[in-house]
Amino acid sequence: MALKREHEDNPVPGVCKLAIDEDMTIYVIEELKQGLAAEIDIHDTLELNLAEVEEVDSAGIQLLLALSRELQLKNKQLRLTALSGAVAKLLESYGLSDRFNTAGAT
């Protein structure tokens, strides 16, 4: 499965820490979407670790944009906590680094 819950010793209430450890391409987007949707209503903040994502296409970017929008509508937050070089480069090329506040996520 491409989406995994990160285990931590001292979990923060309301924060769900997830890692995507596969490519974010059209081939796995539906699986990722379903997994993320299951967490949206349960938590106030979703933290995504994208350090292991080696390939991302426009479907992956669309997923991040849709997730961000959905959480904003529900007054919740999305944080990208770590980015692979591929993700950082694509967000930069689309001009989305500021939108996802990725300054400290690389």
PDB file of N, CA and C in Angstrom:
ATOM      1  N   MET A   1       0.852  -1.187   0.000  1.00  0.00           N
ATOM      2  CA  MET A   1       0.000   0.000   0.000  1.00  0.00           C
ATOM      3  C   MET A   1       0.889   1.239   0.000  1.00  0.00           C
ATOM      4  N   ALA A   2       0.520   2.200  -0.752  1.00  0.00           N
ATOM      5  CA  ALA A   2       1.314   3.412  -0.938  1.00  0.00           C
ATOM      6  C   ALA A   2       1.213   4.382   0.235  1.00  0.00           C
ATOM      7  N   LEU A   3       0.145   4.286   1.019  1.00  0.00           N
ATOM      8  CA  LEU A   3      -0.089   5.219   2.127  1.00  0.00           C
ATOM      9  C   LEU A   3       0.056   4.473   3.448  1.00  0.00           C
ATOM     10  N   LYS A   4       0.938   4.980   4.305  1.00  0.00           N
ATOM     11  CA  LYS A   4       1.175   4.324   5.591  1.00  0.00           C
ATOM     12  C   LYS A   4       1.140   5.342   6.716  1.00  0.00           C
ATOM     13  N   ARG A   5       0.589   4.933   7.824  1.00  0.00           N
ATOM     14  CA  ARG A   5       0.578   5.776   9.019  1.00  0.00           C
ATOM     15  C   ARG A   5       1.953   5.704   9.668  1.00  0.00           C
ATOM     16  N   GLU A   6       2.508   6.876   9.983  1.00  0.00           N
ATOM     17  CA  GLU A   6       3.804   6.921  10.665  1.00  0.00           C
ATOM     18  C   GLU A   6       3.568   6.735  12.157  1.00  0.00           C
ATOM     19  N   HIS A   7       4.306   5.831  12.737  1.00  0.00           N
ATOM     20  CA  HIS A   7       4.169   5.575  14.174  1.00  0.00           C
ATOM     21  C   HIS A   7       5.114   6.496  14.933  1.00  0.00           C
ATOM     22  N   GLU A   8       4.620   6.993  16.044  1.00  0.00           N
ATOM     23  CA  GLU A   8       5.440   7.890  16.851  1.00  0.00           C
ATOM     24  C   GLU A   8       5.201   7.611  18.325  1.00  0.00           C
ATOM     25  N   ASP A   9       6.174   7.957  19.129  1.00  0.00           N
ATOM     26  CA  ASP A   9       6.085   7.703  20.562  1.00  0.00           C
ATOM     27  C   ASP A   9       5.109   8.634  21.261  1.00  0.00           C
ATOM     28  N   ASN A  10       5.081   9.892  20.845  1.00  0.00           N
ATOM     29  CA  ASN A  10       4.210  10.883  21.481  1.00  0.00           C
ATOM     30  C   ASN A  10       3.274  11.510  20.444  1.00  0.00           C
ATOM     31  N   PRO A  11       2.191  10.820  20.100  1.00  0.00           N
ATOM     32  CA  PRO A  11       1.295  11.382  19.086  1.00  0.00           C
ATOM     33  C   PRO A  11       0.616  12.669  19.572  1.00  0.00           C
ATOM     34  N   VAL A  12       0.409  13.579  18.641  1.00  0.00           N
ATOM     35  CA  VAL A  12      -0.266  14.840  18.949  1.00  0.00           C
ATOM     36  C   VAL A  12      -1.748  14.661  18.639  1.00  0.00           C
ATOM     37  N   PRO A  13      -2.635  14.949  19.596  1.00  0.00           N
ATOM     38  CA  PRO A  13      -4.066  14.796  19.348  1.00  0.00           C
ATOM     39  C   PRO A  13      -4.510  15.629  18.141  1.00  0.00           C
ATOM     40  N   GLY A  14      -5.312  15.014  17.280  1.00  0.00           N
ATOM     41  CA  GLY A  14      -5.849  15.714  16.124  1.00  0.00           C
ATOM     42  C   GLY A  14      -4.944  15.727  14.913  1.00  0.00           C
ATOM     43  N   VAL A  15      -3.702  15.224  15.050  1.00  0.00           N
ATOM     44  CA  VAL A  15      -2.743  15.215  13.942  1.00  0.00           C
ATOM     45  C   VAL A  15      -2.517  13.776  13.486  1.00  0.00           C
ATOM     46  N   CYS A  16      -2.668  13.571  12.198  1.00  0.00           N
ATOM     47  CA  CYS A  16      -2.416  12.262  11.605  1.00  0.00           C
ATOM     48  C   CYS A  16      -1.179  12.374  10.726  1.00  0.00           C
ATOM     49  N   LYS A  17      -0.154  11.580  11.050  1.00  0.00           N
ATOM     50  CA  LYS A  17       1.095  11.598  10.287  1.00  0.00           C
ATOM     51  C   LYS A  17       1.108  10.401   9.349  1.00  0.00           C
ATOM     52  N   LEU A  18       1.159  10.720   8.050  1.00  0.00           N
ATOM     53  CA  LEU A  18       1.121   9.700   7.020  1.00  0.00           C
ATOM     54  C   LEU A  18       2.344   9.821   6.116  1.00  0.00           C
ATOM     55  N   ALA A  19       2.738   8.710   5.538  1.00  0.00           N
ATOM     56  CA  ALA A  19       3.837   8.708   4.572  1.00  0.00           C
ATOM     57  C   ALA A  19       3.359   8.024   3.300  1.00  0.00           C
ATOM     58  N   ILE A  20       3.709   8.613   2.182  1.00  0.00           N
ATOM     59  CA  ILE A  20       3.474   7.981   0.893  1.00  0.00           C
ATOM     60  C   ILE A  20       4.824   7.455   0.447  1.00  0.00           C
ATOM     61  N   ASP A  21       4.906   6.139   0.281  1.00  0.00           N
ATOM     62  CA  ASP A  21       6.205   5.533  -0.002  1.00  0.00           C
ATOM     63  C   ASP A  21       6.293   4.922  -1.396  1.00  0.00           C
ATOM     64  N   GLU A  22       5.394   5.312  -2.279  1.00  0.00           N
ATOM     65  CA  GLU A  22       5.421   4.869  -3.667  1.00  0.00           C
ATOM     66  C   GLU A  22       5.262   6.088  -4.561  1.00  0.00           C
ATOM     67  N   ASP A  23       5.306   5.862  -5.844  1.00  0.00           N
ATOM     68  CA  ASP A  23       5.105   6.950  -6.788  1.00  0.00           C
ATOM     69  C   ASP A  23       3.700   7.518  -6.676  1.00  0.00           C
ATOM     70  N   MET A  24       3.591   8.799  -6.946  1.00  0.00           N
ATOM     71  CA  MET A  24       2.280   9.460  -6.965  1.00  0.00           C
ATOM     72  C   MET A  24       1.902   9.698  -8.427  1.00  0.00           C
ATOM     73  N   THR A  25       1.481   8.611  -9.060  1.00  0.00           N
ATOM     74  CA  THR A  25       1.115   8.674 -10.467  1.00  0.00           C
ATOM     75  C   THR A  25      -0.327   8.226 -10.635  1.00  0.00           C
ATOM     76  N   ILE A  26      -0.813   8.378 -11.811  1.00  0.00           N
ATOM     77  CA  ILE A  26      -2.201   8.033 -12.113  1.00  0.00           C
ATOM     78  C   ILE A  26      -2.532   6.590 -11.735  1.00  0.00           C
ATOM     79  N   TYR A  27      -1.531   5.734 -11.688  1.00  0.00           N
ATOM     80  CA  TYR A  27      -1.747   4.318 -11.410  1.00  0.00           C
ATOM     81  C   TYR A  27      -2.103   4.025  -9.953  1.00  0.00           C
ATOM     82  N   VAL A  28      -1.747   4.902  -9.034  1.00  0.00           N
ATOM     83  CA  VAL A  28      -2.033   4.657  -7.609  1.00  0.00           C
ATOM     84  C   VAL A  28      -2.881   5.760  -6.974  1.00  0.00           C
ATOM     85  N   ILE A  29      -3.279   6.742  -7.754  1.00  0.00           N
ATOM     86  CA  ILE A  29      -4.009   7.886  -7.194  1.00  0.00           C
ATOM     87  C   ILE A  29      -5.311   7.476  -6.527  1.00  0.00           C
ATOM     88  N   GLU A  30      -6.056   6.565  -7.131  1.00  0.00           N
ATOM     89  CA  GLU A  30      -7.344   6.157  -6.539  1.00  0.00           C
ATOM     90  C   GLU A  30      -7.138   5.526  -5.171  1.00  0.00           C
ATOM     91  N   GLU A  31      -6.129   4.685  -5.044  1.00  0.00           N
ATOM     92  CA  GLU A  31      -5.811   4.061  -3.760  1.00  0.00           C
ATOM     93  C   GLU A  31      -5.424   5.122  -2.725  1.00  0.00           C
ATOM     94  N   LEU A  32      -4.584   6.064  -3.126  1.00  0.00           N
ATOM     95  CA  LEU A  32      -4.183   7.149  -2.224  1.00  0.00           C
ATOM     96  C   LEU A  32      -5.377   7.995  -1.824  1.00  0.00           C
ATOM     97  N   LYS A  33      -6.212   8.312  -2.786  1.00  0.00           N
ATOM     98  CA  LYS A  33      -7.396   9.142  -2.533  1.00  0.00           C
ATOM     99  C   LYS A  33      -8.311   8.490  -1.499  1.00  0.00           C
ATOM    100  N   GLN A  34      -8.543   7.205  -1.641  1.00  0.00           N
ATOM    101  CA  GLN A  34      -9.399   6.486  -0.689  1.00  0.00           C
ATOM    102  C   GLN A  34      -8.790   6.466   0.705  1.00  0.00           C
ATOM    103  N   GLY A  35      -7.496   6.220   0.778  1.00  0.00           N
ATOM    104  CA  GLY A  35      -6.824   6.196   2.081  1.00  0.00           C
ATOM    105  C   GLY A  35      -6.844   7.548   2.765  1.00  0.00           C
ATOM    106  N   LEU A  36      -6.604   8.603   2.010  1.00  0.00           N
ATOM    107  CA  LEU A  36      -6.627   9.958   2.574  1.00  0.00           C
ATOM    108  C   LEU A  36      -8.034  10.370   2.985  1.00  0.00           C
ATOM    109  N   ALA A  37      -9.025  10.006   2.183  1.00  0.00           N
ATOM    110  CA  ALA A  37     -10.416  10.353   2.495  1.00  0.00           C
ATOM    111  C   ALA A  37     -10.846   9.754   3.832  1.00  0.00           C
ATOM    112  N   ALA A  38     -10.346   8.576   4.138  1.00  0.00           N
ATOM    113  CA  ALA A  38     -10.686   7.926   5.402  1.00  0.00           C
ATOM    114  C   ALA A  38     -10.150   8.695   6.608  1.00  0.00           C
ATOM    115  N   GLU A  39      -9.105   9.482   6.419  1.00  0.00           N
ATOM    116  CA  GLU A  39      -8.479  10.221   7.520  1.00  0.00           C
ATOM    117  C   GLU A  39      -9.006  11.650   7.676  1.00  0.00           C
ATOM    118  N   ILE A  40      -9.579  12.212   6.631  1.00  0.00           N
ATOM    119  CA  ILE A  40      -9.972  13.627   6.639  1.00  0.00           C
ATOM    120  C   ILE A  40     -10.966  13.955   7.747  1.00  0.00           C
ATOM    121  N   ASP A  41     -11.981  13.138   7.913  1.00  0.00           N
ATOM    122  CA  ASP A  41     -13.014  13.458   8.900  1.00  0.00           C
ATOM    123  C   ASP A  41     -12.593  13.165  10.334  1.00  0.00           C
ATOM    124  N   ILE A  42     -11.552  12.370  10.493  1.00  0.00           N
ATOM    125  CA  ILE A  42     -11.119  11.955  11.833  1.00  0.00           C
ATOM    126  C   ILE A  42     -10.162  12.956  12.471  1.00  0.00           C
ATOM    127  N   HIS A  43      -9.342  13.623  11.666  1.00  0.00           N
ATOM    128  CA  HIS A  43      -8.251  14.449  12.179  1.00  0.00           C
ATOM    129  C   HIS A  43      -8.379  15.905  11.742  1.00  0.00           C
ATOM    130  N   ASP A  44      -7.785  16.803  12.537  1.00  0.00           N
ATOM    131  CA  ASP A  44      -7.774  18.231  12.215  1.00  0.00           C
ATOM    132  C   ASP A  44      -6.621  18.602  11.292  1.00  0.00           C
ATOM    133  N   THR A  45      -5.543  17.841  11.348  1.00  0.00           N
ATOM    134  CA  THR A  45      -4.354  18.119  10.549  1.00  0.00           C
ATOM    135  C   THR A  45      -3.826  16.821   9.968  1.00  0.00           C
ATOM    136  N   LEU A  46      -3.524  16.853   8.686  1.00  0.00           N
ATOM    137  CA  LEU A  46      -2.854  15.731   8.039  1.00  0.00           C
ATOM    138  C   LEU A  46      -1.436  16.171   7.710  1.00  0.00           C
ATOM    139  N   GLU A  47      -0.472  15.409   8.168  1.00  0.00           N
ATOM    140  CA  GLU A  47       0.926  15.654   7.833  1.00  0.00           C
ATOM    141  C   GLU A  47       1.367  14.551   6.878  1.00  0.00           C
ATOM    142  N   LEU A  48       1.842  14.951   5.706  1.00  0.00           N
ATOM    143  CA  LEU A  48       2.272  13.996   4.701  1.00  0.00           C
ATOM    144  C   LEU A  48       3.786  14.035   4.523  1.00  0.00           C
ATOM    145  N   ASN A  49       4.397  12.906   4.659  1.00  0.00           N
ATOM    146  CA  ASN A  49       5.814  12.740   4.402  1.00  0.00           C
ATOM    147  C   ASN A  49       5.943  12.180   2.992  1.00  0.00           C
ATOM    148  N   LEU A  50       6.534  12.948   2.088  1.00  0.00           N
ATOM    149  CA  LEU A  50       6.674  12.558   0.692  1.00  0.00           C
ATOM    150  C   LEU A  50       8.137  12.283   0.325  1.00  0.00           C
ATOM    151  N   ALA A  51       8.955  11.991   1.307  1.00  0.00           N
ATOM    152  CA  ALA A  51      10.390  11.796   1.087  1.00  0.00           C
ATOM    153  C   ALA A  51      10.696  10.582   0.217  1.00  0.00           C
ATOM    154  N   GLU A  52       9.840   9.578   0.221  1.00  0.00           N
ATOM    155  CA  GLU A  52      10.098   8.347  -0.527  1.00  0.00           C
ATOM    156  C   GLU A  52       9.449   8.331  -1.909  1.00  0.00           C
ATOM    157  N   VAL A  53       8.764   9.397  -2.284  1.00  0.00           N
ATOM    158  CA  VAL A  53       8.110   9.456  -3.589  1.00  0.00           C
ATOM    159  C   VAL A  53       9.169   9.743  -4.653  1.00  0.00           C
ATOM    160  N   GLU A  54       9.382   8.788  -5.535  1.00  0.00           N
ATOM    161  CA  GLU A  54      10.406   8.946  -6.562  1.00  0.00           C
ATOM    162  C   GLU A  54       9.863   9.542  -7.855  1.00  0.00           C
ATOM    163  N   GLU A  55       8.579   9.347  -8.118  1.00  0.00           N
ATOM    164  CA  GLU A  55       7.979   9.883  -9.335  1.00  0.00           C
ATOM    165  C   GLU A  55       6.607  10.459  -9.006  1.00  0.00           C
ATOM    166  N   VAL A  56       6.332  11.610  -9.571  1.00  0.00           N
ATOM    167  CA  VAL A  56       5.031  12.246  -9.395  1.00  0.00           C
ATOM    168  C   VAL A  56       4.619  12.824 -10.745  1.00  0.00           C
ATOM    169  N   ASP A  57       3.352  12.634 -11.095  1.00  0.00           N
ATOM    170  CA  ASP A  57       2.866  13.207 -12.343  1.00  0.00           C
ATOM    171  C   ASP A  57       1.761  14.205 -12.033  1.00  0.00           C
ATOM    172  N   SER A  58       1.097  14.696 -13.054  1.00  0.00           N
ATOM    173  CA  SER A  58       0.070  15.718 -12.835  1.00  0.00           C
ATOM    174  C   SER A  58      -1.086  15.193 -11.985  1.00  0.00           C
ATOM    175  N   ALA A  59      -1.366  13.899 -12.033  1.00  0.00           N
ATOM    176  CA  ALA A  59      -2.412  13.324 -11.182  1.00  0.00           C
ATOM    177  C   ALA A  59      -2.025  13.425  -9.707  1.00  0.00           C
ATOM    178  N   GLY A  60      -0.745  13.249  -9.409  1.00  0.00           N
ATOM    179  CA  GLY A  60      -0.272  13.390  -8.034  1.00  0.00           C
ATOM    180  C   GLY A  60      -0.396  14.820  -7.543  1.00  0.00           C
ATOM    181  N   ILE A  61      -0.054  15.769  -8.410  1.00  0.00           N
ATOM    182  CA  ILE A  61      -0.196  17.183  -8.055  1.00  0.00           C
ATOM    183  C   ILE A  61      -1.668  17.527  -7.859  1.00  0.00           C
ATOM    184  N   GLN A  62      -2.531  17.025  -8.732  1.00  0.00           N
ATOM    185  CA  GLN A  62      -3.968  17.270  -8.600  1.00  0.00           C
ATOM    186  C   GLN A  62      -4.498  16.713  -7.288  1.00  0.00           C
ATOM    187  N   LEU A  63      -4.000  15.553  -6.883  1.00  0.00           N
ATOM    188  CA  LEU A  63      -4.415  14.972  -5.613  1.00  0.00           C
ATOM    189  C   LEU A  63      -4.041  15.886  -4.449  1.00  0.00           C
ATOM    190  N   LEU A  64      -2.820  16.395  -4.454  1.00  0.00           N
ATOM    191  CA  LEU A  64      -2.388  17.307  -3.385  1.00  0.00           C
ATOM    192  C   LEU A  64      -3.233  18.579  -3.367  1.00  0.00           C
ATOM    193  N   LEU A  65      -3.521  19.121  -4.540  1.00  0.00           N
ATOM    194  CA  LEU A  65      -4.348  20.336  -4.620  1.00  0.00           C
ATOM    195  C   LEU A  65      -5.767  20.073  -4.122  1.00  0.00           C
ATOM    196  N   ALA A  66      -6.352  18.950  -4.531  1.00  0.00           N
ATOM    197  CA  ALA A  66      -7.710  18.610  -4.095  1.00  0.00           C
ATOM    198  C   ALA A  66      -7.753  18.350  -2.595  1.00  0.00           C
ATOM    199  N   LEU A  67      -6.748  17.663  -2.069  1.00  0.00           N
ATOM    200  CA  LEU A  67      -6.684  17.399  -0.628  1.00  0.00           C
ATOM    201  C   LEU A  67      -6.564  18.702   0.144  1.00  0.00           C
ATOM    202  N   SER A  68      -5.708  19.582  -0.322  1.00  0.00           N
ATOM    203  CA  SER A  68      -5.533  20.880   0.326  1.00  0.00           C
ATOM    204  C   SER A  68      -6.849  21.653   0.346  1.00  0.00           C
ATOM    205  N   ARG A  69      -7.526  21.677  -0.773  1.00  0.00           N
ATOM    206  CA  ARG A  69      -8.804  22.408  -0.882  1.00  0.00           C
ATOM    207  C   ARG A  69      -9.859  21.796   0.035  1.00  0.00           C
ATOM    208  N   GLU A  70      -9.971  20.482   0.029  1.00  0.00           N
ATOM    209  CA  GLU A  70     -10.946  19.788   0.869  1.00  0.00           C
ATOM    210  C   GLU A  70     -10.720  20.099   2.350  1.00  0.00           C
ATOM    211  N   LEU A  71      -9.472  20.068   2.769  1.00  0.00           N
ATOM    212  CA  LEU A  71      -9.158  20.363   4.162  1.00  0.00           C
ATOM    213  C   LEU A  71      -9.434  21.828   4.498  1.00  0.00           C
ATOM    214  N   GLN A  72      -9.140  22.743   3.578  1.00  0.00           N
ATOM    215  CA  GLN A  72      -9.442  24.159   3.804  1.00  0.00           C
ATOM    216  C   GLN A  72     -10.937  24.379   3.999  1.00  0.00           C
ATOM    217  N   LEU A  73     -11.744  23.712   3.189  1.00  0.00           N
ATOM    218  CA  LEU A  73     -13.203  23.849   3.305  1.00  0.00           C
ATOM    219  C   LEU A  73     -13.712  23.360   4.662  1.00  0.00           C
ATOM    220  N   LYS A  74     -12.985  22.438   5.262  1.00  0.00           N
ATOM    221  CA  LYS A  74     -13.374  21.889   6.562  1.00  0.00           C
ATOM    222  C   LYS A  74     -12.600  22.530   7.706  1.00  0.00           C
ATOM    223  N   ASN A  75     -11.907  23.642   7.415  1.00  0.00           N
ATOM    224  CA  ASN A  75     -11.093  24.347   8.414  1.00  0.00           C
ATOM    225  C   ASN A  75     -10.056  23.428   9.056  1.00  0.00           C
ATOM    226  N   LYS A  76      -9.420  22.638   8.220  1.00  0.00           N
ATOM    227  CA  LYS A  76      -8.380  21.723   8.664  1.00  0.00           C
ATOM    228  C   LYS A  76      -7.102  22.052   7.901  1.00  0.00           C
ATOM    229  N   GLN A  77      -6.002  21.413   8.274  1.00  0.00           N
ATOM    230  CA  GLN A  77      -4.705  21.746   7.684  1.00  0.00           C
ATOM    231  C   GLN A  77      -4.042  20.554   7.018  1.00  0.00           C
ATOM    232  N   LEU A  78      -3.269  20.873   5.986  1.00  0.00           N
ATOM    233  CA  LEU A  78      -2.385  19.911   5.349  1.00  0.00           C
ATOM    234  C   LEU A  78      -0.965  20.429   5.496  1.00  0.00           C
ATOM    235  N   ARG A  79      -0.076  19.574   5.992  1.00  0.00           N
ATOM    236  CA  ARG A  79       1.338  19.923   6.098  1.00  0.00           C
ATOM    237  C   ARG A  79       2.145  18.882   5.346  1.00  0.00           C
ATOM    238  N   LEU A  80       3.040  19.354   4.502  1.00  0.00           N
ATOM    239  CA  LEU A  80       3.995  18.454   3.860  1.00  0.00           C
ATOM    240  C   LEU A  80       5.264  18.530   4.694  1.00  0.00           C
ATOM    241  N   THR A  81       5.634  17.408   5.309  1.00  0.00           N
ATOM    242  CA  THR A  81       6.727  17.432   6.274  1.00  0.00           C
ATOM    243  C   THR A  81       8.071  17.075   5.672  1.00  0.00           C
ATOM    244  N   ALA A  82       8.084  16.371   4.559  1.00  0.00           N
ATOM    245  CA  ALA A  82       9.331  16.019   3.884  1.00  0.00           C
ATOM    246  C   ALA A  82       9.020  15.788   2.418  1.00  0.00           C
ATOM    247  N   LEU A  83       9.920  16.214   1.559  1.00  0.00           N
ATOM    248  CA  LEU A  83       9.722  16.078   0.120  1.00  0.00           C
ATOM    249  C   LEU A  83      10.916  15.389  -0.506  1.00  0.00           C
ATOM    250  N   SER A  84      10.649  14.523  -1.449  1.00  0.00           N
ATOM    251  CA  SER A  84      11.739  13.980  -2.253  1.00  0.00           C
ATOM    252  C   SER A  84      12.158  15.058  -3.245  1.00  0.00           C
ATOM    253  N   GLY A  85      13.282  14.870  -3.868  1.00  0.00           N
ATOM    254  CA  GLY A  85      13.732  15.824  -4.879  1.00  0.00           C
ATOM    255  C   GLY A  85      12.741  15.944  -6.026  1.00  0.00           C
ATOM    256  N   ALA A  86      12.135  14.820  -6.430  1.00  0.00           N
ATOM    257  CA  ALA A  86      11.169  14.832  -7.533  1.00  0.00           C
ATOM    258  C   ALA A  86       9.939  15.664  -7.193  1.00  0.00           C
ATOM    259  N   VAL A  87       9.430  15.503  -5.972  1.00  0.00           N
ATOM    260  CA  VAL A  87       8.248  16.262  -5.553  1.00  0.00           C
ATOM    261  C   VAL A  87       8.589  17.744  -5.447  1.00  0.00           C
ATOM    262  N   ALA A  88       9.700  18.053  -4.812  1.00  0.00           N
ATOM    263  CA  ALA A  88      10.104  19.455  -4.650  1.00  0.00           C
ATOM    264  C   ALA A  88      10.283  20.131  -6.004  1.00  0.00           C
ATOM    265  N   LYS A  89      10.913  19.430  -6.934  1.00  0.00           N
ATOM    266  CA  LYS A  89      11.147  19.996  -8.264  1.00  0.00           C
ATOM    267  C   LYS A  89       9.838  20.252  -9.001  1.00  0.00           C
ATOM    268  N   LEU A  90       8.908  19.314  -8.935  1.00  0.00           N
ATOM    269  CA  LEU A  90       7.638  19.485  -9.640  1.00  0.00           C
ATOM    270  C   LEU A  90       6.796  20.596  -9.015  1.00  0.00           C
ATOM    271  N   LEU A  91       6.751  20.660  -7.688  1.00  0.00           N
ATOM    272  CA  LEU A  91       6.012  21.744  -7.036  1.00  0.00           C
ATOM    273  C   LEU A  91       6.602  23.096  -7.408  1.00  0.00           C
ATOM    274  N   GLU A  92       7.932  23.153  -7.464  1.00  0.00           N
ATOM    275  CA  GLU A  92       8.609  24.394  -7.849  1.00  0.00           C
ATOM    276  C   GLU A  92       8.285  24.761  -9.301  1.00  0.00           C
ATOM    277  N   SER A  93       8.314  23.776 -10.184  1.00  0.00           N
ATOM    278  CA  SER A  93       8.064  24.074 -11.598  1.00  0.00           C
ATOM    279  C   SER A  93       6.621  24.502 -11.845  1.00  0.00           C
ATOM    280  N   TYR A  94       5.688  24.024 -11.035  1.00  0.00           N
ATOM    281  CA  TYR A  94       4.289  24.448 -11.146  1.00  0.00           C
ATOM    282  C   TYR A  94       4.007  25.719 -10.344  1.00  0.00           C
ATOM    283  N   GLY A  95       4.996  26.212  -9.626  1.00  0.00           N
ATOM    284  CA  GLY A  95       4.809  27.418  -8.819  1.00  0.00           C
ATOM    285  C   GLY A  95       3.952  27.179  -7.589  1.00  0.00           C
ATOM    286  N   LEU A  96       4.018  25.972  -7.026  1.00  0.00           N
ATOM    287  CA  LEU A  96       3.165  25.605  -5.896  1.00  0.00           C
ATOM    288  C   LEU A  96       3.911  25.490  -4.568  1.00  0.00           C
ATOM    289  N   SER A  97       5.185  25.769  -4.556  1.00  0.00           N
ATOM    290  CA  SER A  97       5.963  25.626  -3.311  1.00  0.00           C
ATOM    291  C   SER A  97       5.407  26.497  -2.201  1.00  0.00           C
ATOM    292  N   ASP A  98       5.056  27.746  -2.517  1.00  0.00           N
ATOM    293  CA  ASP A  98       4.505  28.642  -1.489  1.00  0.00           C
ATOM    294  C   ASP A  98       3.135  28.180  -1.024  1.00  0.00           C
ATOM    295  N   ARG A  99       2.339  27.657  -1.923  1.00  0.00           N
ATOM    296  CA  ARG A  99       0.996  27.209  -1.557  1.00  0.00           C
ATOM    297  C   ARG A  99       1.043  26.091  -0.531  1.00  0.00           C
ATOM    298  N   PHE A 100       2.031  25.223  -0.659  1.00  0.00           N
ATOM    299  CA  PHE A 100       2.155  24.117   0.272  1.00  0.00           C
ATOM    300  C   PHE A 100       3.167  24.385   1.369  1.00  0.00           C
ATOM    301  N   ASN A 101       3.694  25.616   1.408  1.00  0.00           N
ATOM    302  CA  ASN A 101       4.638  26.024   2.439  1.00  0.00           C
ATOM    303  C   ASN A 101       5.736  24.974   2.612  1.00  0.00           C
ATOM    304  N   THR A 102       6.458  24.715   1.536  1.00  0.00           N
ATOM    305  CA  THR A 102       7.441  23.645   1.526  1.00  0.00           C
ATOM    306  C   THR A 102       8.839  24.074   1.931  1.00  0.00           C
ATOM    307  N   ALA A 103       9.004  25.277   2.416  1.00  0.00           N
ATOM    308  CA  ALA A 103      10.342  25.785   2.757  1.00  0.00           C
ATOM    309  C   ALA A 103      11.085  24.865   3.714  1.00  0.00           C
ATOM    310  N   GLY A 104      10.422  24.318   4.716  1.00  0.00           N
ATOM    311  CA  GLY A 104      11.095  23.472   5.694  1.00  0.00           C
ATOM    312  C   GLY A 104      10.891  22.006   5.455  1.00  0.00           C
ATOM    313  N   ALA A 105      10.311  21.638   4.325  1.00  0.00           N
ATOM    314  CA  ALA A 105       9.933  20.244   4.093  1.00  0.00           C
ATOM    315  C   ALA A 105      10.935  19.447   3.283  1.00  0.00           C
ATOM    316  N   THR A 106      11.996  20.053   2.826  1.00  0.00           N
ATOM    317  CA  THR A 106      12.927  19.303   1.981  1.00  0.00           C
ATOM    318  C   THR A 106      13.976  18.594   2.784  1.00  0.00           C
TER     319      THR A 106
END
